[in-house]
Every structure is written in C-alpha cells, then in structure tokens.
Amino acid sequence: GGGGAAECRLCLQEELDLDDSDGSTADDGRLAYPCNCSAPVHVGCLKRWHRAQAAQTLEERRSLDELVARASICEVCGARLVVTGKRSRPLAGTAICRAHGGFGKVALRRVPTLSRANRNFSEFSASEGQELEVIEQDESGEFFRVRATGAQRYREEGAAAVAEGWIRHIYLEWPTDAQPLAAAALPAPRRPPAYAAGAEAASAVAR
C-alpha cells in the first residue's frame, strides 16, 4: 500500500477478505511475522499455503513426514513458522558435529524431514569436530537448525562462508553442562520411513 502499511507477502494485500463459508475466523485476517522474513503473512493465507502443500504431497506421493516438515518451515528463510506463542530456545547455543564415519561430513537439510529425497538436502554440510551455532529445534525434537561457518560442499570441492540447515540430533554433541538436559529432553532417534518399513517387513518374516 502507498501509505506504508504492511501487506501480506502471499496475497499482497493489507487486509484479507474473510469468507465464513470456508471456515475462516477473525484471526485469519491477522498479519503475523512467523519466521525471520521481514514481510508479514496473513494467518489465513498461511493456512491456504498449508493446504496447497498437502495437495502437492498427495499428488507427488511424498511422505507424511515430509509434508509435516515442509508445512512447518518458511521456504524463503528456512526458519520454523511460529504463528502463536514464542519461538522456543534450543538446549544450548552451540554443539559439536559428530559425523559417525562416512565422509566425515553430515549433509545439511533444507527441511527437517527423515525423507532422503535429494530435494530435501542443501549442497552444504557440517564437518566432523566442527562447532556449530544452534538456532532452533523442530517440533518433533529430532532436528535442529544450525549455522556452520566455512561449510564444506557435501559432494564437491569448495565451501561457503556461512550455511544454515537442519541436522538430526544424533549428529550433535552438546556442551557438558547441557548434556543432562539433552539426555532427558531429546526423543529417541526415529527411523527414516524406508528403513522403518523394511524393519517391519523383516520382523513379520521372522515371526
């Protein structure tokens, strides 16, 4: 708007036309700042975006885990979408990357999902022994969003000055004073859907 009022970055309007027939509420017209982006979004527009994500997931036969992850974060800045309440603070501000073998690197994910589809990974990684800045935790508790300086490319040569992404908590070693809290608060690691299905099939055969 010419008057300098904030407008929704999804519908590009200052005010949302509410339609009672589709279950809209007064709160849907509220402009919220749910992530780190400077532009706000209507709560109702965010709900519509979630529905579009769900439709795309069904159409492309993606996993429910990926749907939940993609609907929970901003596609632009990568932060969790928090519409009500405060953004939760992580267990500690830093953690050490533990790669547990492999290339000595852990690929950073664009979204906090167990799906191993290439689209869910960034080109950058965290390296064994590297101190990472911990920014936030996802709703499941499985993933943390981290910032890595001098982040190496995962499959090629080269590095970025700074890269952000999501990493599973099994690859993080917490500072000594935060380890008791981590042991009590973090969930047991989940298995990726394909592994879980394979394990169930194997146990069925064993029976």
C-alpha atoms as a PDB file:
ATOM      1  CA  GLY A   1       0.000   0.000   0.000  1.00  0.00           C
ATOM      2  CA  GLY A   2       1.096   3.554  -0.706  1.00  0.00           C
ATOM      3  CA  GLY A   3       0.552   4.574   2.908  1.00  0.00           C
ATOM      4  CA  GLY A   4       3.368   2.328   4.079  1.00  0.00           C
ATOM      5  CA  ALA A   5       1.067  -0.193   5.788  1.00  0.00           C
ATOM      6  CA  ALA A   6       2.386  -3.750   5.838  1.00  0.00           C
ATOM      7  CA  GLU A   7       0.937  -6.159   3.319  1.00  0.00           C
ATOM      8  CA  CYS A   8       0.865  -9.951   3.212  1.00  0.00           C
ATOM      9  CA  ARG A   9       3.700 -11.427   1.182  1.00  0.00           C
ATOM     10  CA  LEU A  10       1.425 -14.204  -0.108  1.00  0.00           C
ATOM     11  CA  CYS A  11      -1.692 -12.310  -1.247  1.00  0.00           C
ATOM     12  CA  LEU A  12      -0.015  -8.863  -1.497  1.00  0.00           C
ATOM     13  CA  GLN A  13      -2.966  -7.245   0.290  1.00  0.00           C
ATOM     14  CA  GLU A  14      -3.108  -5.347   3.577  1.00  0.00           C
ATOM     15  CA  GLU A  15      -6.470  -6.856   4.539  1.00  0.00           C
ATOM     16  CA  LEU A  16      -7.715 -10.373   3.891  1.00  0.00           C
ATOM     17  CA  ASP A  17     -11.256 -10.885   2.599  1.00  0.00           C
ATOM     18  CA  LEU A  18     -12.719 -13.309   5.125  1.00  0.00           C
ATOM     19  CA  ASP A  19     -15.222 -15.880   3.885  1.00  0.00           C
ATOM     20  CA  ASP A  20     -17.315 -17.555   6.582  1.00  0.00           C
ATOM     21  CA  SER A  21     -18.303 -20.332   4.186  1.00  0.00           C
ATOM     22  CA  ASP A  22     -14.814 -21.829   4.192  1.00  0.00           C
ATOM     23  CA  GLY A  23     -14.456 -21.741   7.972  1.00  0.00           C
ATOM     24  CA  SER A  24     -12.438 -18.516   8.142  1.00  0.00           C
ATOM     25  CA  THR A  25     -12.115 -16.886  11.560  1.00  0.00           C
ATOM     26  CA  ALA A  26     -11.289 -13.342  12.605  1.00  0.00           C
ATOM     27  CA  ASP A  27      -7.742 -14.471  13.463  1.00  0.00           C
ATOM     28  CA  ASP A  28      -7.204 -15.487   9.817  1.00  0.00           C
ATOM     29  CA  GLY A  29      -7.092 -11.790   8.931  1.00  0.00           C
ATOM     30  CA  ARG A  30      -4.250 -11.115  11.360  1.00  0.00           C
ATOM     31  CA  LEU A  31      -0.877 -10.209   9.870  1.00  0.00           C
ATOM     32  CA  ALA A  32       1.803 -12.282  11.588  1.00  0.00           C
ATOM     33  CA  TYR A  33       5.589 -12.444  11.424  1.00  0.00           C
ATOM     34  CA  PRO A  34       6.010 -16.219  11.811  1.00  0.00           C
ATOM     35  CA  CYS A  35       9.640 -16.539  10.690  1.00  0.00           C
ATOM     36  CA  ASN A  36      12.761 -14.424  10.095  1.00  0.00           C
ATOM     37  CA  CYS A  37      11.488 -12.776   6.914  1.00  0.00           C
ATOM     38  CA  SER A  38      10.835  -9.032   7.116  1.00  0.00           C
ATOM     39  CA  ALA A  39       7.439  -9.259   5.376  1.00  0.00           C
ATOM     40  CA  PRO A  40       4.349 -10.487   7.284  1.00  0.00           C
ATOM     41  CA  VAL A  41       1.727 -13.008   6.198  1.00  0.00           C
ATOM     42  CA  HIS A  42      -1.982 -13.347   6.969  1.00  0.00           C
ATOM     43  CA  VAL A  43      -2.718 -16.315   9.227  1.00  0.00           C
ATOM     44  CA  GLY A  44      -5.435 -17.330   6.756  1.00  0.00           C
ATOM     45  CA  CYS A  45      -3.048 -17.189   3.781  1.00  0.00           C
ATOM     46  CA  LEU A  46      -0.622 -19.393   5.684  1.00  0.00           C
ATOM     47  CA  LYS A  47      -3.420 -21.950   6.210  1.00  0.00           C
ATOM     48  CA  ARG A  48      -4.174 -21.911   2.476  1.00  0.00           C
ATOM     49  CA  TRP A  49      -0.482 -22.434   1.747  1.00  0.00           C
ATOM     50  CA  HIS A  50      -0.520 -25.443   4.121  1.00  0.00           C
ATOM     51  CA  ARG A  51      -3.467 -26.901   2.196  1.00  0.00           C
ATOM     52  CA  ALA A  52      -1.612 -26.410  -1.085  1.00  0.00           C
ATOM     53  CA  GLN A  53       1.421 -28.187   0.402  1.00  0.00           C
ATOM     54  CA  ALA A  54      -0.782 -31.102   1.428  1.00  0.00           C
ATOM     55  CA  ALA A  55      -2.303 -31.345  -2.061  1.00  0.00           C
ATOM     56  CA  GLN A  56       1.153 -31.349  -3.660  1.00  0.00           C
ATOM     57  CA  THR A  57       2.339 -34.046  -1.264  1.00  0.00           C
ATOM     58  CA  LEU A  58      -0.569 -36.299  -2.230  1.00  0.00           C
ATOM     59  CA  GLU A  59      -0.088 -35.613  -5.923  1.00  0.00           C
ATOM     60  CA  GLU A  60       3.631 -36.386  -5.845  1.00  0.00           C
ATOM     61  CA  ARG A  61       3.234 -39.246  -3.352  1.00  0.00           C
ATOM     62  CA  ARG A  62       5.624 -37.735  -0.843  1.00  0.00           C
ATOM     63  CA  SER A  63       5.755 -38.991   2.743  1.00  0.00           C
ATOM     64  CA  LEU A  64       3.613 -37.593   5.560  1.00  0.00           C
ATOM     65  CA  ASP A  65       6.842 -36.839   7.414  1.00  0.00           C
ATOM     66  CA  GLU A  66       7.966 -34.565   4.570  1.00  0.00           C
ATOM     67  CA  LEU A  67       4.550 -32.893   4.416  1.00  0.00           C
ATOM     68  CA  VAL A  68       4.652 -32.013   8.116  1.00  0.00           C
ATOM     69  CA  ALA A  69       8.233 -30.758   7.820  1.00  0.00           C
ATOM     70  CA  ARG A  70       7.594 -28.576   4.770  1.00  0.00           C
ATOM     71  CA  ALA A  71       4.429 -27.098   6.277  1.00  0.00           C
ATOM     72  CA  SER A  72       6.324 -26.168   9.447  1.00  0.00           C
ATOM     73  CA  ILE A  73       9.093 -24.023   7.955  1.00  0.00           C
ATOM     74  CA  CYS A  74       9.462 -20.964   5.746  1.00  0.00           C
ATOM     75  CA  GLU A  75      10.577 -21.789   2.204  1.00  0.00           C
ATOM     76  CA  VAL A  76      12.467 -18.491   1.992  1.00  0.00           C
ATOM     77  CA  CYS A  77      14.482 -18.158   5.229  1.00  0.00           C
ATOM     78  CA  GLY A  78      14.306 -21.770   6.469  1.00  0.00           C
ATOM     79  CA  ALA A  79      13.086 -20.868   9.971  1.00  0.00           C
ATOM     80  CA  ARG A  80      10.200 -22.558  11.773  1.00  0.00           C
ATOM     81  CA  LEU A  81       6.832 -20.925  11.270  1.00  0.00           C
ATOM     82  CA  VAL A  82       5.556 -19.782  14.677  1.00  0.00           C
ATOM     83  CA  VAL A  83       2.186 -18.032  14.496  1.00  0.00           C
ATOM     84  CA  THR A  84       1.279 -18.044  18.201  1.00  0.00           C
ATOM     85  CA  GLY A  85       3.480 -18.013  21.275  1.00  0.00           C
ATOM     86  CA  LYS A  86       7.239 -17.589  21.386  1.00  0.00           C
ATOM     87  CA  ARG A  87       9.932 -19.345  19.387  1.00  0.00           C
ATOM     88  CA  SER A  88      11.447 -21.999  21.649  1.00  0.00           C
ATOM     89  CA  ARG A  89      15.110 -21.687  22.569  1.00  0.00           C
ATOM     90  CA  PRO A  90      17.494 -24.603  21.843  1.00  0.00           C
ATOM     91  CA  LEU A  91      19.200 -26.635  24.582  1.00  0.00           C
ATOM     92  CA  ALA A  92      22.432 -24.721  24.044  1.00  0.00           C
ATOM     93  CA  GLY A  93      23.794 -22.087  21.704  1.00  0.00           C
ATOM     94  CA  THR A  94      26.487 -24.343  20.254  1.00  0.00           C
ATOM     95  CA  ALA A  95      27.156 -28.032  19.627  1.00  0.00           C
ATOM     96  CA  ILE A  96      29.924 -30.089  18.015  1.00  0.00           C
ATOM     97  CA  CYS A  97      29.198 -32.039  14.821  1.00  0.00           C
ATOM     98  CA  ARG A  98      29.837 -35.780  15.108  1.00  0.00           C
ATOM     99  CA  ALA A  99      29.643 -37.379  11.658  1.00  0.00           C
ATOM    100  CA  HIS A 100      29.928 -41.033  12.839  1.00  0.00           C
ATOM    101  CA  GLY A 101      32.032 -42.067   9.837  1.00  0.00           C
ATOM    102  CA  GLY A 102      31.006 -41.583   6.228  1.00  0.00           C
ATOM    103  CA  PHE A 103      32.889 -38.750   4.518  1.00  0.00           C
ATOM    104  CA  GLY A 104      33.457 -37.068   7.862  1.00  0.00           C
ATOM    105  CA  LYS A 105      30.611 -34.744   6.861  1.00  0.00           C
ATOM    106  CA  VAL A 106      26.869 -34.515   7.524  1.00  0.00           C
ATOM    107  CA  ALA A 107      24.712 -33.014   4.773  1.00  0.00           C
ATOM    108  CA  LEU A 108      22.534 -30.142   5.985  1.00  0.00           C
ATOM    109  CA  ARG A 109      18.837 -30.472   5.155  1.00  0.00           C
ATOM    110  CA  ARG A 110      16.606 -27.781   3.722  1.00  0.00           C
ATOM    111  CA  VAL A 111      13.673 -29.133   5.729  1.00  0.00           C
ATOM    112  CA  PRO A 112      13.577 -31.186   8.964  1.00  0.00           C
ATOM    113  CA  THR A 113      12.372 -34.468   7.458  1.00  0.00           C
ATOM    114  CA  LEU A 114      13.664 -38.047   7.544  1.00  0.00           C
ATOM    115  CA  SER A 115      12.909 -38.369   3.828  1.00  0.00           C
ATOM    116  CA  ARG A 116      16.191 -38.898   1.979  1.00  0.00           C
ATOM    117  CA  ALA A 117      14.977 -37.417  -1.324  1.00  0.00           C
ATOM    118  CA  ASN A 118      17.635 -35.138  -2.848  1.00  0.00           C
ATOM    119  CA  ARG A 119      15.233 -32.160  -2.839  1.00  0.00           C
ATOM    120  CA  ASN A 120      15.367 -32.119   0.976  1.00  0.00           C
ATOM    121  CA  PHE A 121      19.143 -31.604   1.219  1.00  0.00           C
ATOM    122  CA  SER A 122      21.237 -28.498   0.664  1.00  0.00           C
ATOM    123  CA  GLU A 123      24.597 -28.708  -1.106  1.00  0.00           C
ATOM    124  CA  PHE A 124      26.471 -27.853   2.105  1.00  0.00           C
ATOM    125  CA  SER A 125      27.458 -29.866   5.144  1.00  0.00           C
ATOM    126  CA  ALA A 126      28.769 -29.784   8.690  1.00  0.00           C
ATOM    127  CA  SER A 127      32.153 -31.428   9.280  1.00  0.00           C
ATOM    128  CA  GLU A 128      33.346 -33.809  11.991  1.00  0.00           C
ATOM    129  CA  GLY A 129      34.512 -31.849  15.038  1.00  0.00           C
ATOM    130  CA  GLN A 130      33.138 -28.528  13.766  1.00  0.00           C
ATOM    131  CA  GLU A 131      31.462 -26.216  16.269  1.00  0.00           C
ATOM    132  CA  LEU A 132      28.006 -25.234  15.050  1.00  0.00           C
ATOM    133  CA  GLU A 133      25.763 -22.401  16.172  1.00  0.00           C
ATOM    134  CA  VAL A 134      22.418 -23.933  17.192  1.00  0.00           C
ATOM    135  CA  ILE A 135      19.492 -21.721  16.206  1.00  0.00           C
ATOM    136  CA  GLU A 136      16.303 -23.669  16.963  1.00  0.00           C
ATOM    137  CA  GLN A 137      14.688 -27.097  17.340  1.00  0.00           C
ATOM    138  CA  ASP A 138      11.876 -28.510  15.222  1.00  0.00           C
ATOM    139  CA  GLU A 139       8.556 -29.580  16.718  1.00  0.00           C
ATOM    140  CA  SER A 140       9.410 -33.295  16.686  1.00  0.00           C
ATOM    141  CA  GLY A 141      12.649 -32.762  18.608  1.00  0.00           C
ATOM    142  CA  GLU A 142      14.525 -34.825  16.026  1.00  0.00           C
ATOM    143  CA  PHE A 143      16.149 -31.901  14.189  1.00  0.00           C
ATOM    144  CA  PHE A 144      17.975 -28.681  14.998  1.00  0.00           C
ATOM    145  CA  ARG A 145      18.607 -25.771  12.663  1.00  0.00           C
ATOM    146  CA  VAL A 146      22.281 -24.847  12.759  1.00  0.00           C
ATOM    147  CA  ARG A 147      24.650 -22.292  11.259  1.00  0.00           C
ATOM    148  CA  ALA A 148      28.037 -23.538  10.045  1.00  0.00           C
ATOM    149  CA  THR A 149      30.920 -21.219   9.148  1.00  0.00           C
ATOM    150  CA  GLY A 150      33.236 -22.373   6.374  1.00  0.00           C
ATOM    151  CA  ALA A 151      30.652 -25.004   5.432  1.00  0.00           C
ATOM    152  CA  GLN A 152      32.053 -27.569   3.012  1.00  0.00           C
ATOM    153  CA  ARG A 153      30.088 -28.703  -0.031  1.00  0.00           C
ATOM    154  CA  TYR A 154      28.884 -32.242   0.628  1.00  0.00           C
ATOM    155  CA  ARG A 155      29.712 -33.892  -2.713  1.00  0.00           C
ATOM    156  CA  GLU A 156      32.045 -31.405  -4.412  1.00  0.00           C
ATOM    157  CA  GLU A 157      35.055 -29.246  -3.643  1.00  0.00           C
ATOM    158  CA  GLY A 158      34.511 -25.790  -2.217  1.00  0.00           C
ATOM    159  CA  ALA A 159      32.877 -24.110   0.733  1.00  0.00           C
ATOM    160  CA  ALA A 160      30.541 -21.301   1.733  1.00  0.00           C
ATOM    161  CA  ALA A 161      31.428 -18.611   4.265  1.00  0.00           C
ATOM    162  CA  VAL A 162      28.233 -19.458   6.168  1.00  0.00           C
ATOM    163  CA  ALA A 163      25.492 -22.036   5.601  1.00  0.00           C
ATOM    164  CA  GLU A 164      22.344 -22.822   7.562  1.00  0.00           C
ATOM    165  CA  GLY A 165      20.330 -26.016   7.578  1.00  0.00           C
ATOM    166  CA  TRP A 166      18.681 -28.737   9.633  1.00  0.00           C
ATOM    167  CA  ILE A 167      20.594 -31.626  11.196  1.00  0.00           C
ATOM    168  CA  ARG A 168      19.445 -34.651  13.252  1.00  0.00           C
ATOM    169  CA  HIS A 169      20.304 -34.517  16.937  1.00  0.00           C
ATOM    170  CA  ILE A 170      22.240 -37.806  16.723  1.00  0.00           C
ATOM    171  CA  TYR A 171      24.969 -35.835  14.906  1.00  0.00           C
ATOM    172  CA  LEU A 172      25.294 -33.232  17.650  1.00  0.00           C
ATOM    173  CA  GLU A 173      27.486 -33.411  20.754  1.00  0.00           C
ATOM    174  CA  TRP A 174      26.245 -30.939  23.343  1.00  0.00           C
ATOM    175  CA  PRO A 175      28.375 -28.897  25.778  1.00  0.00           C
ATOM    176  CA  THR A 176      28.956 -30.718  29.062  1.00  0.00           C
ATOM    177  CA  ASP A 177      26.551 -28.557  31.064  1.00  0.00           C
ATOM    178  CA  ALA A 178      23.732 -29.202  28.545  1.00  0.00           C
ATOM    179  CA  GLN A 179      24.201 -32.981  28.228  1.00  0.00           C
ATOM    180  CA  PRO A 180      21.917 -33.988  31.147  1.00  0.00           C
ATOM    181  CA  LEU A 181      19.126 -31.810  29.725  1.00  0.00           C
ATOM    182  CA  ALA A 182      19.680 -33.256  26.241  1.00  0.00           C
ATOM    183  CA  ALA A 183      19.518 -36.819  27.581  1.00  0.00           C
ATOM    184  CA  ALA A 184      16.221 -36.086  29.310  1.00  0.00           C
ATOM    185  CA  ALA A 185      14.581 -33.907  26.657  1.00  0.00           C
ATOM    186  CA  LEU A 186      15.556 -35.351  23.284  1.00  0.00           C
ATOM    187  CA  PRO A 187      13.452 -38.183  21.812  1.00  0.00           C
ATOM    188  CA  ALA A 188      14.894 -41.500  20.710  1.00  0.00           C
ATOM    189  CA  PRO A 189      16.044 -41.218  17.074  1.00  0.00           C
ATOM    190  CA  ARG A 190      13.319 -42.104  14.579  1.00  0.00           C
ATOM    191  CA  ARG A 191      13.985 -44.329  11.589  1.00  0.00           C
ATOM    192  CA  PRO A 192      13.572 -42.998   8.060  1.00  0.00           C
ATOM    193  CA  PRO A 193      10.289 -44.314   6.560  1.00  0.00           C
ATOM    194  CA  ALA A 194      12.013 -46.740   4.166  1.00  0.00           C
ATOM    195  CA  TYR A 195      14.123 -48.229   6.965  1.00  0.00           C
ATOM    196  CA  ALA A 196      11.161 -48.487   9.292  1.00  0.00           C
ATOM    197  CA  ALA A 197       9.099 -50.273   6.632  1.00  0.00           C
ATOM    198  CA  GLY A 198      11.995 -52.644   5.961  1.00  0.00           C
ATOM    199  CA  ALA A 199      12.348 -53.420   9.656  1.00  0.00           C
ATOM    200  CA  GLU A 200       8.617 -54.150   9.953  1.00  0.00           C
ATOM    201  CA  ALA A 201       8.769 -56.472   6.932  1.00  0.00           C
ATOM    202  CA  ALA A 202      11.802 -58.253   8.372  1.00  0.00           C
ATOM    203  CA  SER A 203      10.123 -58.739  11.755  1.00  0.00           C
ATOM    204  CA  ALA A 204       6.991 -60.074  10.034  1.00  0.00           C
ATOM    205  CA  VAL A 205       9.120 -62.617   8.163  1.00  0.00           C
ATOM    206  CA  ALA A 206      10.918 -63.538  11.390  1.00  0.00           C
ATOM    207  CA  ARG A 207       7.567 -64.254  13.036  1.00  0.00           C
END
